[in-house]
Amino acid sequence: MIQDEHIKQAIDGLSIGTIFATLVGWLPTIAAIASLMWSLIRIYETKTVQKFLRKPNAKL
């Protein structure tokens, strides 16, 4: 489980680097879209966002 978090953090770092590289014109737009999607999914999965989106009567 801890190893999974390290892998996710490494991919998060690559994602941010890809977004930066695209912004400065080093990579094509498709790479930026893929990285943006990965980042949005990771943000959506956080406990804070899930707690915010959860209905009052819902159980996790």
PDB file of N, CA and C in Angstrom:
ATOM      1  N   MET A   1       0.827  -1.188   0.000  1.00  0.00           N
ATOM      2  CA  MET A   1       0.000   0.000   0.000  1.00  0.00           C
ATOM      3  C   MET A   1       0.874   1.256   0.000  1.00  0.00           C
ATOM      4  N   ILE A   2       1.921   1.273   0.801  1.00  0.00           N
ATOM      5  CA  ILE A   2       2.812   2.433   0.848  1.00  0.00           C
ATOM      6  C   ILE A   2       3.513   2.601  -0.496  1.00  0.00           C
ATOM      7  N   GLN A   3       3.891   1.480  -1.112  1.00  0.00           N
ATOM      8  CA  GLN A   3       4.547   1.542  -2.411  1.00  0.00           C
ATOM      9  C   GLN A   3       3.616   2.162  -3.451  1.00  0.00           C
ATOM     10  N   ASP A   4       2.322   1.853  -3.369  1.00  0.00           N
ATOM     11  CA  ASP A   4       1.355   2.444  -4.296  1.00  0.00           C
ATOM     12  C   ASP A   4       1.335   3.961  -4.169  1.00  0.00           C
ATOM     13  N   GLU A   5       1.404   4.472  -2.958  1.00  0.00           N
ATOM     14  CA  GLU A   5       1.411   5.922  -2.750  1.00  0.00           C
ATOM     15  C   GLU A   5       2.668   6.551  -3.339  1.00  0.00           C
ATOM     16  N   HIS A   6       3.807   5.873  -3.208  1.00  0.00           N
ATOM     17  CA  HIS A   6       5.049   6.398  -3.790  1.00  0.00           C
ATOM     18  C   HIS A   6       4.946   6.446  -5.312  1.00  0.00           C
ATOM     19  N   ILE A   7       4.343   5.426  -5.889  1.00  0.00           N
ATOM     20  CA  ILE A   7       4.168   5.408  -7.342  1.00  0.00           C
ATOM     21  C   ILE A   7       3.238   6.537  -7.770  1.00  0.00           C
ATOM     22  N   LYS A   8       2.141   6.726  -7.040  1.00  0.00           N
ATOM     23  CA  LYS A   8       1.203   7.802  -7.369  1.00  0.00           C
ATOM     24  C   LYS A   8       1.877   9.164  -7.255  1.00  0.00           C
ATOM     25  N   GLN A   9       2.696   9.350  -6.228  1.00  0.00           N
ATOM     26  CA  GLN A   9       3.385  10.624  -6.057  1.00  0.00           C
ATOM     27  C   GLN A   9       4.388  10.860  -7.186  1.00  0.00           C
ATOM     28  N   ALA A  10       5.054   9.800  -7.621  1.00  0.00           N
ATOM     29  CA  ALA A  10       5.997   9.937  -8.731  1.00  0.00           C
ATOM     30  C   ALA A  10       5.259  10.326 -10.013  1.00  0.00           C
ATOM     31  N   ILE A  11       4.112   9.695 -10.256  1.00  0.00           N
ATOM     32  CA  ILE A  11       3.330  10.029 -11.447  1.00  0.00           C
ATOM     33  C   ILE A  11       2.787  11.448 -11.344  1.00  0.00           C
ATOM     34  N   ASP A  12       2.408  11.859 -10.135  1.00  0.00           N
ATOM     35  CA  ASP A  12       1.956  13.243  -9.939  1.00  0.00           C
ATOM     36  C   ASP A  12       3.062  14.224 -10.319  1.00  0.00           C
ATOM     37  N   GLY A  13       4.280  13.934  -9.904  1.00  0.00           N
ATOM     38  CA  GLY A  13       5.410  14.789 -10.253  1.00  0.00           C
ATOM     39  C   GLY A  13       5.647  14.841 -11.752  1.00  0.00           C
ATOM     40  N   LEU A  14       5.569  13.689 -12.401  1.00  0.00           N
ATOM     41  CA  LEU A  14       5.710  13.651 -13.860  1.00  0.00           C
ATOM     42  C   LEU A  14       4.592  14.427 -14.540  1.00  0.00           C
ATOM     43  N   SER A  15       3.404  14.329 -13.986  1.00  0.00           N
ATOM     44  CA  SER A  15       2.255  15.041 -14.550  1.00  0.00           C
ATOM     45  C   SER A  15       2.468  16.547 -14.490  1.00  0.00           C
ATOM     46  N   ILE A  16       2.911  17.029 -13.349  1.00  0.00           N
ATOM     47  CA  ILE A  16       3.168  18.466 -13.198  1.00  0.00           C
ATOM     48  C   ILE A  16       4.293  18.905 -14.136  1.00  0.00           C
ATOM     49  N   GLY A  17       5.329  18.084 -14.238  1.00  0.00           N
ATOM     50  CA  GLY A  17       6.420  18.395 -15.160  1.00  0.00           C
ATOM     51  C   GLY A  17       5.962  18.433 -16.609  1.00  0.00           C
ATOM     52  N   THR A  18       5.062  17.521 -16.960  1.00  0.00           N
ATOM     53  CA  THR A  18       4.528  17.490 -18.322  1.00  0.00           C
ATOM     54  C   THR A  18       3.706  18.733 -18.618  1.00  0.00           C
ATOM     55  N   ILE A  19       2.892  19.139 -17.650  1.00  0.00           N
ATOM     56  CA  ILE A  19       2.099  20.360 -17.835  1.00  0.00           C
ATOM     57  C   ILE A  19       3.026  21.563 -18.040  1.00  0.00           C
ATOM     58  N   PHE A  20       4.061  21.658 -17.209  1.00  0.00           N
ATOM     59  CA  PHE A  20       5.021  22.759 -17.338  1.00  0.00           C
ATOM     60  C   PHE A  20       5.711  22.731 -18.702  1.00  0.00           C
ATOM     61  N   ALA A  21       6.161  21.545 -19.109  1.00  0.00           N
ATOM     62  CA  ALA A  21       6.864  21.425 -20.390  1.00  0.00           C
ATOM     63  C   ALA A  21       5.963  21.819 -21.556  1.00  0.00           C
ATOM     64  N   THR A  22       4.691  21.496 -21.450  1.00  0.00           N
ATOM     65  CA  THR A  22       3.756  21.871 -22.511  1.00  0.00           C
ATOM     66  C   THR A  22       3.546  23.379 -22.536  1.00  0.00           C
ATOM     67  N   LEU A  23       3.458  23.980 -21.357  1.00  0.00           N
ATOM     68  CA  LEU A  23       3.250  25.425 -21.293  1.00  0.00           C
ATOM     69  C   LEU A  23       4.405  26.200 -21.915  1.00  0.00           C
ATOM     70  N   VAL A  24       5.614  25.679 -21.791  1.00  0.00           N
ATOM     71  CA  VAL A  24       6.755  26.379 -22.388  1.00  0.00           C
ATOM     72  C   VAL A  24       7.021  25.917 -23.816  1.00  0.00           C
ATOM     73  N   GLY A  25       6.144  25.063 -24.347  1.00  0.00           N
ATOM     74  CA  GLY A  25       6.233  24.678 -25.743  1.00  0.00           C
ATOM     75  C   GLY A  25       7.105  23.485 -26.052  1.00  0.00           C
ATOM     76  N   TRP A  26       7.443  22.672 -25.067  1.00  0.00           N
ATOM     77  CA  TRP A  26       8.310  21.534 -25.313  1.00  0.00           C
ATOM     78  C   TRP A  26       7.555  20.281 -25.729  1.00  0.00           C
ATOM     79  N   LEU A  27       6.301  20.166 -25.343  1.00  0.00           N
ATOM     80  CA  LEU A  27       5.523  18.962 -25.651  1.00  0.00           C
ATOM     81  C   LEU A  27       4.223  19.331 -26.353  1.00  0.00           C
ATOM     82  N   PRO A  28       3.645  18.387 -27.071  1.00  0.00           N
ATOM     83  CA  PRO A  28       2.379  18.672 -27.756  1.00  0.00           C
ATOM     84  C   PRO A  28       1.203  18.796 -26.792  1.00  0.00           C
ATOM     85  N   THR A  29       0.141  19.331 -27.294  1.00  0.00           N
ATOM     86  CA  THR A  29      -1.055  19.588 -26.497  1.00  0.00           C
ATOM     87  C   THR A  29      -1.640  18.320 -25.899  1.00  0.00           C
ATOM     88  N   ILE A  30      -1.576  17.208 -26.607  1.00  0.00           N
ATOM     89  CA  ILE A  30      -2.177  15.963 -26.120  1.00  0.00           C
ATOM     90  C   ILE A  30      -1.543  15.524 -24.799  1.00  0.00           C
ATOM     91  N   ALA A  31      -0.251  15.772 -24.630  1.00  0.00           N
ATOM     92  CA  ALA A  31       0.420  15.430 -23.376  1.00  0.00           C
ATOM     93  C   ALA A  31      -0.113  16.286 -22.239  1.00  0.00           C
ATOM     94  N   ALA A  32      -0.381  17.544 -22.511  1.00  0.00           N
ATOM     95  CA  ALA A  32      -0.930  18.430 -21.480  1.00  0.00           C
ATOM     96  C   ALA A  32      -2.324  17.980 -21.078  1.00  0.00           C
ATOM     97  N   ILE A  33      -3.127  17.573 -22.045  1.00  0.00           N
ATOM     98  CA  ILE A  33      -4.483  17.117 -21.738  1.00  0.00           C
ATOM     99  C   ILE A  33      -4.438  15.863 -20.875  1.00  0.00           C
ATOM    100  N   ALA A  34      -3.567  14.914 -21.218  1.00  0.00           N
ATOM    101  CA  ALA A  34      -3.443  13.681 -20.435  1.00  0.00           C
ATOM    102  C   ALA A  34      -2.988  13.989 -19.009  1.00  0.00           C
ATOM    103  N   SER A  35      -2.022  14.870 -18.858  1.00  0.00           N
ATOM    104  CA  SER A  35      -1.531  15.236 -17.529  1.00  0.00           C
ATOM    105  C   SER A  35      -2.586  15.978 -16.726  1.00  0.00           C
ATOM    106  N   LEU A  36      -3.314  16.852 -17.380  1.00  0.00           N
ATOM    107  CA  LEU A  36      -4.378  17.587 -16.704  1.00  0.00           C
ATOM    108  C   LEU A  36      -5.462  16.637 -16.216  1.00  0.00           C
ATOM    109  N   MET A  37      -5.829  15.668 -17.047  1.00  0.00           N
ATOM    110  CA  MET A  37      -6.844  14.687 -16.651  1.00  0.00           C
ATOM    111  C   MET A  37      -6.369  13.885 -15.436  1.00  0.00           C
ATOM    112  N   TRP A  38      -5.098  13.451 -15.447  1.00  0.00           N
ATOM    113  CA  TRP A  38      -4.545  12.694 -14.321  1.00  0.00           C
ATOM    114  C   TRP A  38      -4.603  13.541 -13.047  1.00  0.00           C
ATOM    115  N   SER A  39      -4.208  14.787 -13.140  1.00  0.00           N
ATOM    116  CA  SER A  39      -4.213  15.662 -11.968  1.00  0.00           C
ATOM    117  C   SER A  39      -5.626  15.879 -11.441  1.00  0.00           C
ATOM    118  N   LEU A  40      -6.582  16.081 -12.327  1.00  0.00           N
ATOM    119  CA  LEU A  40      -7.973  16.274 -11.897  1.00  0.00           C
ATOM    120  C   LEU A  40      -8.540  15.021 -11.234  1.00  0.00           C
ATOM    121  N   ILE A  41      -8.210  13.852 -11.767  1.00  0.00           N
ATOM    122  CA  ILE A  41      -8.663  12.599 -11.147  1.00  0.00           C
ATOM    123  C   ILE A  41      -8.074  12.463  -9.754  1.00  0.00           C
ATOM    124  N   ARG A  42      -6.792  12.765  -9.608  1.00  0.00           N
ATOM    125  CA  ARG A  42      -6.138  12.654  -8.291  1.00  0.00           C
ATOM    126  C   ARG A  42      -6.750  13.634  -7.293  1.00  0.00           C
ATOM    127  N   ILE A  43      -7.065  14.835  -7.730  1.00  0.00           N
ATOM    128  CA  ILE A  43      -7.699  15.814  -6.845  1.00  0.00           C
ATOM    129  C   ILE A  43      -9.085  15.334  -6.455  1.00  0.00           C
ATOM    130  N   TYR A  44      -9.827  14.789  -7.412  1.00  0.00           N
ATOM    131  CA  TYR A  44     -11.178  14.284  -7.146  1.00  0.00           C
ATOM    132  C   TYR A  44     -11.151  13.146  -6.124  1.00  0.00           C
ATOM    133  N   GLU A  45     -10.094  12.334  -6.134  1.00  0.00           N
ATOM    134  CA  GLU A  45      -9.994  11.189  -5.233  1.00  0.00           C
ATOM    135  C   GLU A  45      -9.633  11.568  -3.796  1.00  0.00           C
ATOM    136  N   THR A  46      -9.220  12.787  -3.539  1.00  0.00           N
ATOM    137  CA  THR A  46      -8.803  13.155  -2.189  1.00  0.00           C
ATOM    138  C   THR A  46      -9.966  13.089  -1.207  1.00  0.00           C
ATOM    139  N   LYS A  47      -9.634  12.827   0.039  1.00  0.00           N
ATOM    140  CA  LYS A  47     -10.666  12.732   1.079  1.00  0.00           C
ATOM    141  C   LYS A  47     -11.425  14.047   1.233  1.00  0.00           C
ATOM    142  N   THR A  48     -10.736  15.154   1.103  1.00  0.00           N
ATOM    143  CA  THR A  48     -11.379  16.461   1.261  1.00  0.00           C
ATOM    144  C   THR A  48     -12.467  16.671   0.217  1.00  0.00           C
ATOM    145  N   VAL A  49     -12.154  16.388  -1.028  1.00  0.00           N
ATOM    146  CA  VAL A  49     -13.142  16.568  -2.095  1.00  0.00           C
ATOM    147  C   VAL A  49     -14.276  15.569  -1.939  1.00  0.00           C
ATOM    148  N   GLN A  50     -13.943  14.327  -1.610  1.00  0.00           N
ATOM    149  CA  GLN A  50     -14.985  13.316  -1.434  1.00  0.00           C
ATOM    150  C   GLN A  50     -15.913  13.688  -0.283  1.00  0.00           C
ATOM    151  N   LYS A  51     -15.349  14.224   0.786  1.00  0.00           N
ATOM    152  CA  LYS A  51     -16.172  14.648   1.918  1.00  0.00           C
ATOM    153  C   LYS A  51     -17.073  15.814   1.514  1.00  0.00           C
ATOM    154  N   PHE A  52     -16.542  16.723   0.726  1.00  0.00           N
ATOM    155  CA  PHE A  52     -17.313  17.877   0.265  1.00  0.00           C
ATOM    156  C   PHE A  52     -18.465  17.458  -0.650  1.00  0.00           C
ATOM    157  N   LEU A  53     -18.219  16.460  -1.507  1.00  0.00           N
ATOM    158  CA  LEU A  53     -19.219  16.026  -2.478  1.00  0.00           C
ATOM    159  C   LEU A  53     -20.220  15.018  -1.925  1.00  0.00           C
ATOM    160  N   ARG A  54     -19.888  14.402  -0.803  1.00  0.00           N
ATOM    161  CA  ARG A  54     -20.740  13.358  -0.240  1.00  0.00           C
ATOM    162  C   ARG A  54     -22.072  13.928   0.223  1.00  0.00           C
ATOM    163  N   LYS A  55     -23.116  13.170  -0.017  1.00  0.00           N
ATOM    164  CA  LYS A  55     -24.438  13.563   0.454  1.00  0.00           C
ATOM    165  C   LYS A  55     -24.501  13.345   1.962  1.00  0.00           C
ATOM    166  N   PRO A  56     -25.315  14.111   2.676  1.00  0.00           N
ATOM    167  CA  PRO A  56     -25.378  13.998   4.138  1.00  0.00           C
ATOM    168  C   PRO A  56     -25.739  12.596   4.635  1.00  0.00           C
ATOM    169  N   ASN A  57     -26.572  11.864   3.913  1.00  0.00           N
ATOM    170  CA  ASN A  57     -27.008  10.542   4.363  1.00  0.00           C
ATOM    171  C   ASN A  57     -26.191   9.405   3.769  1.00  0.00           C
ATOM    172  N   ALA A  58     -25.233   9.699   2.915  1.00  0.00           N
ATOM    173  CA  ALA A  58     -24.460   8.656   2.244  1.00  0.00           C
ATOM    174  C   ALA A  58     -23.429   8.058   3.190  1.00  0.00           C
ATOM    175  N   LYS A  59     -23.173   6.759   3.010  1.00  0.00           N
ATOM    176  CA  LYS A  59     -22.149   6.063   3.789  1.00  0.00           C
ATOM    177  C   LYS A  59     -21.018   5.662   2.857  1.00  0.00           C
ATOM    178  N   LEU A  60     -19.773   5.812   3.327  1.00  0.00           N
ATOM    179  CA  LEU A  60     -18.618   5.384   2.530  1.00  0.00           C
ATOM    180  C   LEU A  60     -18.103   4.069   3.010  1.00  0.00           C
TER     181      LEU A  60
END
